[in-house]
Amino acid sequence: MPHYLGEMNRMLVEKSRELGGVLHYGENIDKGSCLCGIARGLAGRVVNVGNCENLHAGLGLGMMLNGGRAVLYVKQLDFLLLALDQLVNTYNLIRAMPQAATGSFTIIAIVCDQGYQGPQSSLDVLAGMCSLGRLRGFSPASVEEARVIFAREIGQPGFRIIALSQRLFDSEAIRLEIVNQGRDATWFQLERGDQATVVCFNFSLPQGLELRQRLAVSGTEAAVFTVHPAGLRDCPEIVAHAVRGKRLFLLDDGKEAISGAHELAHRVLAIEPACRVTLMQRDPAAGYGVSSDRFDPFFDTSPRVGAMEWLHV
């Protein structure tokens, strides 16, 4: 069966062939593992660069400013912490002169989200990084989400970061028809249901789909949504769905103390205080295990289990 890694790579290669003239660059992206396989087989101009993320980001923003198109591939989201000066301050300057920035810059970053893997392998939250500079960010967990996001974003004017989950690399690719989606692909509805609302943040879609199945056993039909960092403030349809059903489940496998899931819960409860909201987050203490099996006890009903905890808002 096709896996997440293979499907993401296949679509990126197809996109690179379609675009032509775009600069694809990164550290050893056409050598060795090619960033675990994500960058293998890219077409067009492929350039290996040295180890200096601040320079890498500056190069991409400079090309965008001058009408060029570039895609930077980063082995770990953590490494972009070294480029925050460019991503926050330089990009703010560019946004102050929008007519001048006619090009395109996209960063494709791998999120090392199995757990703590070393001193530079623990940042698993794209939304937190995007919030620092009000950046557009996307974290596709399913094939159809990625297809839409890649088509709309890569090579198009402006700047964005697209994160891919290393935890899902060897998992069977999730293929679900898109029922509905937000403006600019900021959120997606992947399953229908009127009695409950399941909203998945970061890369928690597999757990959200499992939760939907468990709810169905008890006779509750739940809709499933994914929300990307680019669109938290642009999802009134999700809020309305939760208000109607009065049962909201929020899943976030990132390590943020306060995430977009908290904000969405607040927005729903401000409209419908009677809505039952269950927020499920990753247990920070489990962030130091490397096995994805630590996510399996996710749906145990005890107050605190395995890699996740249940918080009733």
C-alpha atoms as a PDB file:
ATOM      1  CA  MET A   1       0.000   0.000   0.000  1.00  0.00           C
ATOM      2  CA  PRO A   2       1.292   3.541  -0.729  1.00  0.00           C
ATOM      3  CA  HIS A   3       2.783   5.235   2.304  1.00  0.00           C
ATOM      4  CA  TYR A   4       2.668   8.877   3.371  1.00  0.00           C
ATOM      5  CA  LEU A   5       6.348   9.481   2.549  1.00  0.00           C
ATOM      6  CA  GLY A   6       6.091   8.026  -0.955  1.00  0.00           C
ATOM      7  CA  GLU A   7       2.924   9.948  -1.774  1.00  0.00           C
ATOM      8  CA  MET A   8       4.331  13.273  -0.548  1.00  0.00           C
ATOM      9  CA  ASN A   9       7.537  12.741  -2.538  1.00  0.00           C
ATOM     10  CA  ARG A  10       5.599  11.711  -5.658  1.00  0.00           C
ATOM     11  CA  MET A  11       3.498  14.880  -5.579  1.00  0.00           C
ATOM     12  CA  LEU A  12       6.518  17.098  -4.927  1.00  0.00           C
ATOM     13  CA  VAL A  13       8.355  15.555  -7.871  1.00  0.00           C
ATOM     14  CA  GLU A  14       5.306  16.044 -10.107  1.00  0.00           C
ATOM     15  CA  LYS A  15       5.088  19.660  -8.995  1.00  0.00           C
ATOM     16  CA  SER A  16       8.792  20.239  -9.699  1.00  0.00           C
ATOM     17  CA  ARG A  17       8.339  18.894 -13.244  1.00  0.00           C
ATOM     18  CA  GLU A  18       5.285  21.069 -13.784  1.00  0.00           C
ATOM     19  CA  LEU A  19       6.857  24.307 -12.615  1.00  0.00           C
ATOM     20  CA  GLY A  20      10.188  24.365 -14.400  1.00  0.00           C
ATOM     21  CA  GLY A  21      12.578  27.236 -13.793  1.00  0.00           C
ATOM     22  CA  VAL A  22      12.112  27.020 -10.032  1.00  0.00           C
ATOM     23  CA  LEU A  23      15.198  26.735  -7.835  1.00  0.00           C
ATOM     24  CA  HIS A  24      15.044  23.727  -5.478  1.00  0.00           C
ATOM     25  CA  TYR A  25      17.759  23.913  -2.844  1.00  0.00           C
ATOM     26  CA  GLY A  26      18.767  22.534   0.527  1.00  0.00           C
ATOM     27  CA  GLU A  27      21.489  20.597   2.300  1.00  0.00           C
ATOM     28  CA  ASN A  28      22.375  17.476   0.254  1.00  0.00           C
ATOM     29  CA  ILE A  29      18.875  17.234  -1.179  1.00  0.00           C
ATOM     30  CA  ASP A  30      20.014  15.053  -4.090  1.00  0.00           C
ATOM     31  CA  LYS A  31      22.540  12.964  -2.147  1.00  0.00           C
ATOM     32  CA  GLY A  32      22.338  10.213   0.437  1.00  0.00           C
ATOM     33  CA  SER A  33      18.853   9.833   1.838  1.00  0.00           C
ATOM     34  CA  CYS A  34      17.644  13.009   0.044  1.00  0.00           C
ATOM     35  CA  LEU A  35      16.108  14.215   3.333  1.00  0.00           C
ATOM     36  CA  CYS A  36      14.672  10.808   4.220  1.00  0.00           C
ATOM     37  CA  GLY A  37      13.346  10.513   0.662  1.00  0.00           C
ATOM     38  CA  ILE A  38      11.238  13.670   0.526  1.00  0.00           C
ATOM     39  CA  ALA A  39      13.533  15.369  -2.023  1.00  0.00           C
ATOM     40  CA  ARG A  40      14.397  12.298  -4.095  1.00  0.00           C
ATOM     41  CA  GLY A  41      13.940  12.730  -7.855  1.00  0.00           C
ATOM     42  CA  LEU A  42      13.226  16.460  -7.971  1.00  0.00           C
ATOM     43  CA  ALA A  43      13.288  17.932 -11.473  1.00  0.00           C
ATOM     44  CA  GLY A  44      14.601  21.304 -12.659  1.00  0.00           C
ATOM     45  CA  ARG A  45      17.344  23.286 -10.979  1.00  0.00           C
ATOM     46  CA  VAL A  46      18.420  21.364  -7.871  1.00  0.00           C
ATOM     47  CA  VAL A  47      21.244  22.899  -5.840  1.00  0.00           C
ATOM     48  CA  ASN A  48      22.959  21.612  -2.703  1.00  0.00           C
ATOM     49  CA  VAL A  49      23.917  24.341  -0.236  1.00  0.00           C
ATOM     50  CA  GLY A  50      25.979  24.529   2.921  1.00  0.00           C
ATOM     51  CA  ASN A  51      24.852  24.474   6.527  1.00  0.00           C
ATOM     52  CA  CYS A  52      23.522  27.995   7.167  1.00  0.00           C
ATOM     53  CA  GLU A  53      19.751  28.240   7.551  1.00  0.00           C
ATOM     54  CA  ASN A  54      19.675  32.009   8.052  1.00  0.00           C
ATOM     55  CA  LEU A  55      21.375  32.417   4.678  1.00  0.00           C
ATOM     56  CA  HIS A  56      19.047  29.859   3.094  1.00  0.00           C
ATOM     57  CA  ALA A  57      15.964  31.809   4.201  1.00  0.00           C
ATOM     58  CA  GLY A  58      17.499  35.113   3.132  1.00  0.00           C
ATOM     59  CA  LEU A  59      18.254  33.719  -0.314  1.00  0.00           C
ATOM     60  CA  GLY A  60      14.667  32.570  -0.807  1.00  0.00           C
ATOM     61  CA  LEU A  61      13.184  35.844   0.400  1.00  0.00           C
ATOM     62  CA  GLY A  62      15.612  37.772  -1.808  1.00  0.00           C
ATOM     63  CA  MET A  63      14.579  35.767  -4.853  1.00  0.00           C
ATOM     64  CA  MET A  64      10.924  36.334  -4.012  1.00  0.00           C
ATOM     65  CA  LEU A  65      11.576  40.064  -3.687  1.00  0.00           C
ATOM     66  CA  ASN A  66      13.140  40.103  -7.149  1.00  0.00           C
ATOM     67  CA  GLY A  67      10.498  38.028  -8.925  1.00  0.00           C
ATOM     68  CA  GLY A  68      12.238  34.647  -8.665  1.00  0.00           C
ATOM     69  CA  ARG A  69      10.757  31.347  -7.502  1.00  0.00           C
ATOM     70  CA  ALA A  70      12.458  29.085  -4.964  1.00  0.00           C
ATOM     71  CA  VAL A  71      11.699  26.048  -2.811  1.00  0.00           C
ATOM     72  CA  LEU A  72      13.890  25.345   0.219  1.00  0.00           C
ATOM     73  CA  TYR A  73      13.910  21.807   1.669  1.00  0.00           C
ATOM     74  CA  VAL A  74      14.779  21.558   5.367  1.00  0.00           C
ATOM     75  CA  LYS A  75      15.533  18.263   7.113  1.00  0.00           C
ATOM     76  CA  GLN A  76      14.054  19.336  10.450  1.00  0.00           C
ATOM     77  CA  LEU A  77      11.650  22.100  11.390  1.00  0.00           C
ATOM     78  CA  ASP A  78      13.980  22.803  14.332  1.00  0.00           C
ATOM     79  CA  PHE A  79      16.645  24.150  11.975  1.00  0.00           C
ATOM     80  CA  LEU A  80      14.368  27.018  10.950  1.00  0.00           C
ATOM     81  CA  LEU A  81      14.806  28.428  14.453  1.00  0.00           C
ATOM     82  CA  LEU A  82      18.210  29.518  13.148  1.00  0.00           C
ATOM     83  CA  ALA A  83      16.469  31.514  10.403  1.00  0.00           C
ATOM     84  CA  LEU A  84      13.864  33.342  12.475  1.00  0.00           C
ATOM     85  CA  ASP A  85      15.555  36.711  11.992  1.00  0.00           C
ATOM     86  CA  GLN A  86      14.910  36.407   8.256  1.00  0.00           C
ATOM     87  CA  LEU A  87      11.467  34.798   8.580  1.00  0.00           C
ATOM     88  CA  VAL A  88      10.192  37.401  11.023  1.00  0.00           C
ATOM     89  CA  ASN A  89      12.110  40.640  10.539  1.00  0.00           C
ATOM     90  CA  THR A  90      13.155  40.491   6.883  1.00  0.00           C
ATOM     91  CA  TYR A  91       9.765  39.176   5.829  1.00  0.00           C
ATOM     92  CA  ASN A  92       8.022  41.982   7.732  1.00  0.00           C
ATOM     93  CA  LEU A  93      10.061  44.502   5.723  1.00  0.00           C
ATOM     94  CA  ILE A  94       9.056  42.781   2.495  1.00  0.00           C
ATOM     95  CA  ARG A  95       5.396  42.852   3.484  1.00  0.00           C
ATOM     96  CA  ALA A  96       5.681  46.598   3.937  1.00  0.00           C
ATOM     97  CA  MET A  97       6.313  46.864   0.192  1.00  0.00           C
ATOM     98  CA  PRO A  98       3.945  44.211  -1.241  1.00  0.00           C
ATOM     99  CA  GLN A  99       4.083  45.518  -4.807  1.00  0.00           C
ATOM    100  CA  ALA A 100       7.810  44.801  -4.906  1.00  0.00           C
ATOM    101  CA  ALA A 101       7.573  41.128  -3.854  1.00  0.00           C
ATOM    102  CA  THR A 102       6.351  39.464  -7.030  1.00  0.00           C
ATOM    103  CA  GLY A 103       8.116  36.123  -6.711  1.00  0.00           C
ATOM    104  CA  SER A 104       7.528  32.923  -4.759  1.00  0.00           C
ATOM    105  CA  PHE A 105       9.284  31.285  -1.809  1.00  0.00           C
ATOM    106  CA  THR A 106       8.199  27.996  -0.254  1.00  0.00           C
ATOM    107  CA  ILE A 107       9.864  26.091   2.572  1.00  0.00           C
ATOM    108  CA  ILE A 108       9.243  22.332   2.814  1.00  0.00           C
ATOM    109  CA  ALA A 109      10.226  21.188   6.313  1.00  0.00           C
ATOM    110  CA  ILE A 110      10.178  17.761   7.973  1.00  0.00           C
ATOM    111  CA  VAL A 111       8.728  17.674  11.489  1.00  0.00           C
ATOM    112  CA  CYS A 112      10.514  15.172  13.747  1.00  0.00           C
ATOM    113  CA  ASP A 113       7.405  14.334  15.749  1.00  0.00           C
ATOM    114  CA  GLN A 114       8.076  10.794  16.979  1.00  0.00           C
ATOM    115  CA  GLY A 115       9.343  12.252  20.238  1.00  0.00           C
ATOM    116  CA  TYR A 116      12.599  13.647  21.557  1.00  0.00           C
ATOM    117  CA  GLN A 117      15.372  12.486  19.187  1.00  0.00           C
ATOM    118  CA  GLY A 118      18.250  14.740  20.122  1.00  0.00           C
ATOM    119  CA  PRO A 119      19.078  18.319  21.063  1.00  0.00           C
ATOM    120  CA  GLN A 120      17.725  19.666  17.765  1.00  0.00           C
ATOM    121  CA  SER A 121      14.817  17.294  17.148  1.00  0.00           C
ATOM    122  CA  SER A 122      11.988  18.273  19.440  1.00  0.00           C
ATOM    123  CA  LEU A 123      10.157  21.172  17.745  1.00  0.00           C
ATOM    124  CA  ASP A 124       6.957  19.622  16.399  1.00  0.00           C
ATOM    125  CA  VAL A 125       4.697  22.664  16.232  1.00  0.00           C
ATOM    126  CA  LEU A 126       4.587  24.607  12.975  1.00  0.00           C
ATOM    127  CA  ALA A 127       1.763  26.808  14.279  1.00  0.00           C
ATOM    128  CA  GLY A 128       3.945  28.190  17.057  1.00  0.00           C
ATOM    129  CA  MET A 129       6.608  29.206  14.569  1.00  0.00           C
ATOM    130  CA  CYS A 130       4.068  30.730  12.202  1.00  0.00           C
ATOM    131  CA  SER A 131       2.531  32.777  14.998  1.00  0.00           C
ATOM    132  CA  LEU A 132       5.843  34.562  15.630  1.00  0.00           C
ATOM    133  CA  GLY A 133       5.836  36.205  12.222  1.00  0.00           C
ATOM    134  CA  ARG A 134       2.214  35.723  11.137  1.00  0.00           C
ATOM    135  CA  LEU A 135       3.414  33.291   8.486  1.00  0.00           C
ATOM    136  CA  ARG A 136       1.230  31.100   6.298  1.00  0.00           C
ATOM    137  CA  GLY A 137       1.734  27.479   7.280  1.00  0.00           C
ATOM    138  CA  PHE A 138       0.316  24.112   6.236  1.00  0.00           C
ATOM    139  CA  SER A 139       0.670  20.622   7.728  1.00  0.00           C
ATOM    140  CA  PRO A 140      -1.051  18.098   5.420  1.00  0.00           C
ATOM    141  CA  ALA A 141      -1.687  14.651   6.882  1.00  0.00           C
ATOM    142  CA  SER A 142      -3.737  13.239   3.991  1.00  0.00           C
ATOM    143  CA  VAL A 143      -3.051  12.866   0.280  1.00  0.00           C
ATOM    144  CA  GLU A 144      -5.912  15.049  -0.964  1.00  0.00           C
ATOM    145  CA  GLU A 145      -5.072  17.844   1.481  1.00  0.00           C
ATOM    146  CA  ALA A 146      -1.485  17.814   0.243  1.00  0.00           C
ATOM    147  CA  ARG A 147      -2.576  17.748  -3.404  1.00  0.00           C
ATOM    148  CA  VAL A 148      -4.656  20.902  -2.963  1.00  0.00           C
ATOM    149  CA  ILE A 149      -2.033  22.689  -0.841  1.00  0.00           C
ATOM    150  CA  PHE A 150       0.863  21.880  -3.182  1.00  0.00           C
ATOM    151  CA  ALA A 151      -1.151  23.036  -6.196  1.00  0.00           C
ATOM    152  CA  ARG A 152      -2.253  26.299  -4.561  1.00  0.00           C
ATOM    153  CA  GLU A 153       0.988  27.223  -2.814  1.00  0.00           C
ATOM    154  CA  ILE A 154       4.204  25.889  -4.359  1.00  0.00           C
ATOM    155  CA  GLY A 155       5.485  28.275  -7.019  1.00  0.00           C
ATOM    156  CA  GLN A 156       2.712  30.787  -6.383  1.00  0.00           C
ATOM    157  CA  PRO A 157       3.405  34.411  -5.351  1.00  0.00           C
ATOM    158  CA  GLY A 158       4.256  34.974  -1.699  1.00  0.00           C
ATOM    159  CA  PHE A 159       5.822  32.977   1.108  1.00  0.00           C
ATOM    160  CA  ARG A 160       4.675  29.930   3.053  1.00  0.00           C
ATOM    161  CA  ILE A 161       5.970  26.954   5.045  1.00  0.00           C
ATOM    162  CA  ILE A 162       4.683  23.433   4.390  1.00  0.00           C
ATOM    163  CA  ALA A 163       5.508  20.883   7.087  1.00  0.00           C
ATOM    164  CA  LEU A 164       5.458  17.095   6.662  1.00  0.00           C
ATOM    165  CA  SER A 165       5.285  14.562   9.501  1.00  0.00           C
ATOM    166  CA  GLN A 166       8.165  12.133   9.943  1.00  0.00           C
ATOM    167  CA  ARG A 167       5.977  10.108  12.314  1.00  0.00           C
ATOM    168  CA  LEU A 168       3.639   9.357   9.413  1.00  0.00           C
ATOM    169  CA  PHE A 169       6.353   8.512   6.874  1.00  0.00           C
ATOM    170  CA  ASP A 170       5.874   4.742   7.088  1.00  0.00           C
ATOM    171  CA  SER A 171       2.120   4.881   7.692  1.00  0.00           C
ATOM    172  CA  GLU A 172      -0.375   3.984   4.984  1.00  0.00           C
ATOM    173  CA  ALA A 173      -1.319   7.162   3.137  1.00  0.00           C
ATOM    174  CA  ILE A 174      -4.705   8.550   4.170  1.00  0.00           C
ATOM    175  CA  ARG A 175      -6.961   9.039   1.148  1.00  0.00           C
ATOM    176  CA  LEU A 176     -10.227  10.797   1.865  1.00  0.00           C
ATOM    177  CA  GLU A 177     -12.424  12.839  -0.421  1.00  0.00           C
ATOM    178  CA  ILE A 178     -12.561  16.500   0.562  1.00  0.00           C
ATOM    179  CA  VAL A 179     -16.113  17.304   1.643  1.00  0.00           C
ATOM    180  CA  ASN A 180     -15.521  21.018   2.130  1.00  0.00           C
ATOM    181  CA  GLN A 181     -12.586  23.370   2.517  1.00  0.00           C
ATOM    182  CA  GLY A 182     -11.824  26.841   3.736  1.00  0.00           C
ATOM    183  CA  ARG A 183     -10.742  29.843   1.772  1.00  0.00           C
ATOM    184  CA  ASP A 184      -7.143  29.427   0.549  1.00  0.00           C
ATOM    185  CA  ALA A 185      -7.112  25.797   1.746  1.00  0.00           C
ATOM    186  CA  THR A 186      -6.794  26.844   5.364  1.00  0.00           C
ATOM    187  CA  TRP A 187      -9.010  24.012   6.653  1.00  0.00           C
ATOM    188  CA  PHE A 188     -10.574  20.853   5.258  1.00  0.00           C
ATOM    189  CA  GLN A 189     -13.589  18.726   6.096  1.00  0.00           C
ATOM    190  CA  LEU A 190     -12.826  15.072   5.363  1.00  0.00           C
ATOM    191  CA  GLU A 191     -15.800  13.249   6.926  1.00  0.00           C
ATOM    192  CA  ARG A 192     -19.493  14.115   7.333  1.00  0.00           C
ATOM    193  CA  GLY A 193     -21.554  13.922  10.521  1.00  0.00           C
ATOM    194  CA  ASP A 194     -24.050  16.115  12.367  1.00  0.00           C
ATOM    195  CA  GLN A 195     -23.897  14.914  15.971  1.00  0.00           C
ATOM    196  CA  ALA A 196     -20.315  15.798  16.871  1.00  0.00           C
ATOM    197  CA  THR A 197     -17.371  17.785  15.531  1.00  0.00           C
ATOM    198  CA  VAL A 198     -13.833  16.375  15.536  1.00  0.00           C
ATOM    199  CA  VAL A 199     -11.119  18.924  14.739  1.00  0.00           C
ATOM    200  CA  CYS A 200      -7.521  17.803  14.176  1.00  0.00           C
ATOM    201  CA  PHE A 201      -4.524  20.097  14.571  1.00  0.00           C
ATOM    202  CA  ASN A 202      -0.932  19.484  13.537  1.00  0.00           C
ATOM    203  CA  PHE A 203      -0.726  15.809  12.420  1.00  0.00           C
ATOM    204  CA  SER A 204      -3.418  14.253  14.635  1.00  0.00           C
ATOM    205  CA  LEU A 205      -5.702  13.237  11.742  1.00  0.00           C
ATOM    206  CA  PRO A 206      -5.099   9.457  12.212  1.00  0.00           C
ATOM    207  CA  GLN A 207      -6.222   9.747  15.839  1.00  0.00           C
ATOM    208  CA  GLY A 208      -9.174  11.907  14.810  1.00  0.00           C
ATOM    209  CA  LEU A 209     -10.361   9.278  12.347  1.00  0.00           C
ATOM    210  CA  GLU A 210     -10.008   6.571  14.982  1.00  0.00           C
ATOM    211  CA  LEU A 211     -12.036   8.693  17.395  1.00  0.00           C
ATOM    212  CA  ARG A 212     -14.757   9.064  14.740  1.00  0.00           C
ATOM    213  CA  GLN A 213     -14.954   5.277  14.419  1.00  0.00           C
ATOM    214  CA  ARG A 214     -15.262   4.860  18.184  1.00  0.00           C
ATOM    215  CA  LEU A 215     -18.012   7.473  18.336  1.00  0.00           C
ATOM    216  CA  ALA A 216     -19.881   5.696  15.538  1.00  0.00           C
ATOM    217  CA  VAL A 217     -19.961   2.504  17.607  1.00  0.00           C
ATOM    218  CA  SER A 218     -21.949   4.390  20.249  1.00  0.00           C
ATOM    219  CA  GLY A 219     -24.290   5.821  17.613  1.00  0.00           C
ATOM    220  CA  THR A 220     -22.696   9.272  17.236  1.00  0.00           C
ATOM    221  CA  GLU A 221     -21.943  10.453  13.702  1.00  0.00           C
ATOM    222  CA  ALA A 222     -19.079  12.937  13.748  1.00  0.00           C
ATOM    223  CA  ALA A 223     -17.655  15.232  11.107  1.00  0.00           C
ATOM    224  CA  VAL A 224     -13.860  15.424  10.880  1.00  0.00           C
ATOM    225  CA  PHE A 225     -11.975  18.638  10.108  1.00  0.00           C
ATOM    226  CA  THR A 226      -8.313  19.533   9.868  1.00  0.00           C
ATOM    227  CA  VAL A 227      -7.131  23.079  10.568  1.00  0.00           C
ATOM    228  CA  HIS A 228      -3.829  24.426   9.253  1.00  0.00           C
ATOM    229  CA  PRO A 229      -1.772  27.169  10.933  1.00  0.00           C
ATOM    230  CA  ALA A 230      -2.698  29.521   8.092  1.00  0.00           C
ATOM    231  CA  GLY A 231      -6.394  29.377   8.820  1.00  0.00           C
ATOM    232  CA  LEU A 232      -7.327  29.324  12.491  1.00  0.00           C
ATOM    233  CA  ARG A 233      -9.040  32.709  12.287  1.00  0.00           C
ATOM    234  CA  ASP A 234     -10.799  31.797   9.066  1.00  0.00           C
ATOM    235  CA  CYS A 235     -12.953  28.823  10.050  1.00  0.00           C
ATOM    236  CA  PRO A 236     -16.446  30.116  10.949  1.00  0.00           C
ATOM    237  CA  GLU A 237     -17.953  27.025   9.305  1.00  0.00           C
ATOM    238  CA  ILE A 238     -16.224  24.762  11.841  1.00  0.00           C
ATOM    239  CA  VAL A 239     -17.402  26.959  14.713  1.00  0.00           C
ATOM    240  CA  ALA A 240     -20.957  26.861  13.368  1.00  0.00           C
ATOM    241  CA  HIS A 241     -20.863  23.077  12.998  1.00  0.00           C
ATOM    242  CA  ALA A 242     -19.714  22.642  16.609  1.00  0.00           C
ATOM    243  CA  VAL A 243     -22.352  25.069  17.884  1.00  0.00           C
ATOM    244  CA  ARG A 244     -25.107  23.138  16.099  1.00  0.00           C
ATOM    245  CA  GLY A 245     -23.994  19.715  17.330  1.00  0.00           C
ATOM    246  CA  LYS A 246     -23.010  20.897  20.825  1.00  0.00           C
ATOM    247  CA  ARG A 247     -20.271  18.244  21.013  1.00  0.00           C
ATOM    248  CA  LEU A 248     -16.724  19.206  20.098  1.00  0.00           C
ATOM    249  CA  PHE A 249     -13.528  17.129  20.212  1.00  0.00           C
ATOM    250  CA  LEU A 250     -10.228  18.940  19.672  1.00  0.00           C
ATOM    251  CA  LEU A 251      -7.052  16.931  19.018  1.00  0.00           C
ATOM    252  CA  ASP A 252      -3.570  18.430  18.995  1.00  0.00           C
ATOM    253  CA  ASP A 253      -0.428  16.286  19.026  1.00  0.00           C
ATOM    254  CA  GLY A 254       1.930  19.260  19.313  1.00  0.00           C
ATOM    255  CA  LYS A 255       3.737  20.240  22.488  1.00  0.00           C
ATOM    256  CA  GLU A 256       2.422  23.785  22.850  1.00  0.00           C
ATOM    257  CA  ALA A 257       1.040  24.655  26.278  1.00  0.00           C
ATOM    258  CA  ILE A 258      -1.676  26.728  24.597  1.00  0.00           C
ATOM    259  CA  SER A 259      -2.503  25.975  20.978  1.00  0.00           C
ATOM    260  CA  GLY A 260      -5.031  26.845  18.318  1.00  0.00           C
ATOM    261  CA  ALA A 261      -7.279  24.162  19.805  1.00  0.00           C
ATOM    262  CA  HIS A 262      -7.691  26.306  22.926  1.00  0.00           C
ATOM    263  CA  GLU A 263      -8.639  29.338  20.839  1.00  0.00           C
ATOM    264  CA  LEU A 264     -11.192  27.355  18.849  1.00  0.00           C
ATOM    265  CA  ALA A 265     -12.708  25.986  22.066  1.00  0.00           C
ATOM    266  CA  HIS A 266     -12.988  29.527  23.413  1.00  0.00           C
ATOM    267  CA  ARG A 267     -14.716  30.761  20.249  1.00  0.00           C
ATOM    268  CA  VAL A 268     -17.262  27.942  20.292  1.00  0.00           C
ATOM    269  CA  LEU A 269     -18.032  28.272  24.009  1.00  0.00           C
ATOM    270  CA  ALA A 270     -18.448  32.036  23.680  1.00  0.00           C
ATOM    271  CA  ILE A 271     -21.342  31.362  21.291  1.00  0.00           C
ATOM    272  CA  GLU A 272     -22.744  28.178  22.847  1.00  0.00           C
ATOM    273  CA  PRO A 273     -21.776  27.720  26.534  1.00  0.00           C
ATOM    274  CA  ALA A 274     -23.729  24.447  26.620  1.00  0.00           C
ATOM    275  CA  CYS A 275     -21.425  22.810  24.063  1.00  0.00           C
ATOM    276  CA  ARG A 276     -19.495  19.860  25.525  1.00  0.00           C
ATOM    277  CA  VAL A 277     -15.838  20.345  24.601  1.00  0.00           C
ATOM    278  CA  THR A 278     -13.102  17.761  25.046  1.00  0.00           C
ATOM    279  CA  LEU A 279      -9.535  18.852  24.363  1.00  0.00           C
ATOM    280  CA  MET A 280      -6.914  16.150  23.861  1.00  0.00           C
ATOM    281  CA  GLN A 281      -3.261  17.117  23.871  1.00  0.00           C
ATOM    282  CA  ARG A 282       0.048  15.368  23.875  1.00  0.00           C
ATOM    283  CA  ASP A 283       1.469  14.680  27.308  1.00  0.00           C
ATOM    284  CA  PRO A 284       4.705  16.743  27.507  1.00  0.00           C
ATOM    285  CA  ALA A 285       6.318  14.038  29.645  1.00  0.00           C
ATOM    286  CA  ALA A 286       5.947  11.589  26.755  1.00  0.00           C
ATOM    287  CA  GLY A 287       7.836  13.925  24.454  1.00  0.00           C
ATOM    288  CA  TYR A 288      11.056  12.168  25.390  1.00  0.00           C
ATOM    289  CA  GLY A 289      10.071   8.770  24.010  1.00  0.00           C
ATOM    290  CA  VAL A 290      10.929   7.899  20.433  1.00  0.00           C
ATOM    291  CA  SER A 291       8.264   5.265  19.792  1.00  0.00           C
ATOM    292  CA  SER A 292       5.087   6.240  17.960  1.00  0.00           C
ATOM    293  CA  ASP A 293       3.387   3.477  19.947  1.00  0.00           C
ATOM    294  CA  ARG A 294       3.162   5.989  22.773  1.00  0.00           C
ATOM    295  CA  PHE A 295       0.201   7.442  20.875  1.00  0.00           C
ATOM    296  CA  ASP A 296      -1.810   4.222  20.937  1.00  0.00           C
ATOM    297  CA  PRO A 297      -3.487   4.730  24.373  1.00  0.00           C
ATOM    298  CA  PHE A 298      -4.913   8.012  23.049  1.00  0.00           C
ATOM    299  CA  PHE A 299      -8.524   7.002  23.564  1.00  0.00           C
ATOM    300  CA  ASP A 300      -8.321   5.475  27.022  1.00  0.00           C
ATOM    301  CA  THR A 301     -10.906   7.234  29.202  1.00  0.00           C
ATOM    302  CA  SER A 302      -8.684   7.580  32.252  1.00  0.00           C
ATOM    303  CA  PRO A 303      -7.719  11.183  33.119  1.00  0.00           C
ATOM    304  CA  ARG A 304      -4.150  10.786  31.889  1.00  0.00           C
ATOM    305  CA  VAL A 305      -2.780   8.032  29.686  1.00  0.00           C
ATOM    306  CA  GLY A 306       0.219   7.318  27.541  1.00  0.00           C
ATOM    307  CA  ALA A 307       1.199  10.142  25.260  1.00  0.00           C
ATOM    308  CA  MET A 308      -2.018  12.141  25.536  1.00  0.00           C
ATOM    309  CA  GLU A 309      -4.119  13.677  28.230  1.00  0.00           C
ATOM    310  CA  TRP A 310      -7.822  14.548  28.320  1.00  0.00           C
ATOM    311  CA  LEU A 311      -8.714  18.059  29.402  1.00  0.00           C
ATOM    312  CA  HIS A 312     -12.382  18.984  29.728  1.00  0.00           C
ATOM    313  CA  VAL A 313     -12.824  22.645  28.923  1.00  0.00           C
END
